[in-house]
């Protein structure tokens, strides 16, 4: 996987590719900005982090205003995701608490309409559809 990341980041060293991307940066940067930021913040491989930093700097130097707009949007999306995750964890904690209290008495567990399964992401391993 590291080789894939490194090779894709090496594309930026090609003058023709860099030129095409720079010409279309208003479309490309908003798409790849989150991946660049996640690479910088959390990729375990130093080479990938360094190459990512170089790509990020190319975009910053090319259009600082666009870069800042993408940065602000990324931070807003991160904040929203943290809020959604907190709500999801709270809902699951509530369900688990109800289930635990009912398990002692062998009572059926009824989930209130107040818990919305629609707000939970399908990507969560515990967010399987309830039938």
Protein backbone atom coordinates (compact mmCIF):
# COMPACT_ATOMS: atom_id res chain seq x y z
CA UNK A 1 0.00 0.00 0.00
CA UNK A 2 2.84 2.38 0.72
CA UNK A 3 4.18 1.89 -2.78
CA UNK A 4 0.80 2.81 -4.25
CA UNK A 5 0.68 5.99 -2.19
CA UNK A 6 4.26 6.88 -3.05
CA UNK A 7 3.80 6.24 -6.78
CA UNK A 8 0.61 8.28 -6.96
CA UNK A 9 2.30 11.15 -5.13
CA UNK A 10 5.31 10.90 -7.45
CA UNK A 11 2.98 11.79 -10.34
CA UNK A 12 3.20 15.36 -9.11
CA UNK A 13 6.89 15.39 -10.07
CA UNK A 14 5.93 15.03 -13.73
CA UNK A 15 5.77 18.51 -15.31
CA UNK A 16 2.96 17.60 -17.71
CA UNK A 17 0.78 16.05 -14.99
CA UNK A 18 1.47 18.95 -12.63
CA UNK A 19 0.55 21.42 -15.37
CA UNK A 20 -2.75 19.67 -16.09
CA UNK A 21 -3.63 19.48 -12.43
CA UNK A 22 -2.72 23.12 -11.86
CA UNK A 23 -4.95 24.16 -14.77
CA UNK A 24 -7.84 22.27 -13.18
CA UNK A 25 -7.07 22.86 -9.53
CA UNK A 26 -10.44 24.47 -8.76
CA UNK A 27 -12.03 21.08 -9.44
CA UNK A 28 -9.23 18.81 -8.23
CA UNK A 29 -8.17 20.41 -4.94
CA UNK A 30 -11.58 20.22 -3.22
CA UNK A 31 -11.71 16.52 -4.12
CA UNK A 32 -8.24 15.53 -2.93
CA UNK A 33 -7.78 17.99 -0.05
CA UNK A 34 -9.25 15.69 2.62
CA UNK A 35 -6.94 12.83 1.57
CA UNK A 36 -3.92 15.12 1.65
CA UNK A 37 -4.80 16.33 5.14
CA UNK A 38 -5.40 12.81 6.44
CA UNK A 39 -2.07 11.69 4.99
CA UNK A 40 -0.27 14.54 6.73
CA UNK A 41 -1.97 13.95 10.06
CA UNK A 42 -1.93 10.22 10.28
CA UNK A 43 0.01 8.28 7.69
CA UNK A 44 2.57 6.07 9.35
CA UNK A 45 5.12 6.29 6.52
CA UNK A 46 7.40 9.32 6.60
CA UNK A 47 8.06 9.21 2.85
CA UNK A 48 4.32 9.41 2.13
CA UNK A 49 3.97 12.29 4.58
CA UNK A 50 6.85 14.14 2.92
CA UNK A 51 5.50 13.64 -0.59
CA UNK A 52 2.05 14.71 0.59
CA UNK A 53 3.53 17.86 2.09
CA UNK A 54 5.15 18.65 -1.29
CA UNK A 55 1.84 18.21 -3.14
CA UNK A 56 0.03 20.29 -0.56
CA UNK A 57 2.63 23.07 -0.94
CA UNK A 58 2.16 23.05 -4.73
CA UNK A 59 -1.55 23.77 -4.28
CA UNK A 60 -0.89 26.37 -1.60
CA UNK A 61 1.60 28.20 -3.80
CA UNK A 62 -0.64 28.00 -6.87
CA UNK A 63 -3.80 29.45 -5.29
CA UNK A 64 -3.68 30.38 -1.61
CA UNK A 65 -7.30 31.54 -1.49
CA UNK A 66 -8.63 28.26 -2.93
CA UNK A 67 -6.39 26.35 -0.55
CA UNK A 68 -7.74 28.29 2.44
CA UNK A 69 -11.34 27.72 1.30
CA UNK A 70 -10.70 23.98 1.10
CA UNK A 71 -9.02 24.03 4.50
CA UNK A 72 -11.97 25.80 6.14
CA UNK A 73 -14.44 23.41 4.50
CA UNK A 74 -12.39 20.42 5.63
CA UNK A 75 -12.33 21.67 9.21
CA UNK A 76 -16.10 22.29 9.15
CA UNK A 77 -16.70 18.78 7.79
CA UNK A 78 -14.44 17.30 10.46
CA UNK A 79 -16.39 19.12 13.17
CA UNK A 80 -19.71 17.88 11.75
CA UNK A 81 -18.35 14.33 11.56
CA UNK A 82 -17.23 14.49 15.21
CA UNK A 83 -20.73 15.68 16.19
CA UNK A 84 -22.38 12.88 14.20
CA UNK A 85 -19.99 10.34 15.74
CA UNK A 86 -20.77 11.62 19.25
CA UNK A 87 -24.52 11.35 18.59
CA UNK A 88 -24.06 7.85 17.17
CA UNK A 89 -22.03 6.73 20.19
CA UNK A 90 -24.60 8.23 22.54
CA UNK A 91 -27.44 6.43 20.75
CA UNK A 92 -25.60 3.09 20.86
CA UNK A 93 -24.72 3.59 24.53
CA UNK A 94 -28.38 4.24 25.25
CA UNK A 95 -29.43 1.10 23.36
CA UNK A 96 -26.78 -0.97 25.13
CA UNK A 97 -27.88 0.36 28.54
CA UNK A 98 -31.51 -0.45 27.81
CA UNK A 99 -30.59 -3.91 26.56
CA UNK A 100 -28.41 -4.56 29.60
CA UNK A 101 -31.15 -3.52 32.00
CA UNK A 102 -33.71 -5.70 30.21
CA UNK A 103 -31.37 -8.70 29.93
CA UNK A 104 -31.37 -9.14 33.69
CA UNK A 105 -35.14 -9.59 33.77
CA UNK A 106 -35.39 -11.48 30.43
CA UNK A 107 -37.74 -8.74 29.25
CA UNK A 108 -38.05 -7.91 25.56
CA UNK A 109 -36.08 -4.86 24.57
CA UNK A 110 -38.15 -2.11 22.98
CA UNK A 111 -36.34 0.79 21.42
CA UNK A 112 -38.00 4.18 21.64
CA UNK A 113 -38.82 6.14 18.50
CA UNK A 114 -36.50 8.83 19.87
CA UNK A 115 -33.49 6.81 18.71
CA UNK A 116 -33.09 7.41 15.00
CA UNK A 117 -31.36 4.66 13.08
CA UNK A 118 -31.42 6.87 9.98
CA UNK A 119 -28.84 9.18 11.49
CA UNK A 120 -26.44 6.28 12.02
CA UNK A 121 -23.92 5.49 9.32
CA UNK A 122 -24.11 2.09 7.63
CA UNK A 123 -20.31 1.97 7.83
CA UNK A 124 -20.54 1.42 11.57
CA UNK A 125 -20.16 -2.29 12.37
CA UNK A 126 -23.03 -2.05 14.81
CA UNK A 127 -25.31 -0.06 12.54
CA UNK A 128 -26.78 -3.01 10.71
CA UNK A 129 -30.43 -2.56 9.74
CA UNK A 130 -32.81 -3.60 12.49
CA UNK A 131 -35.61 -5.90 11.38
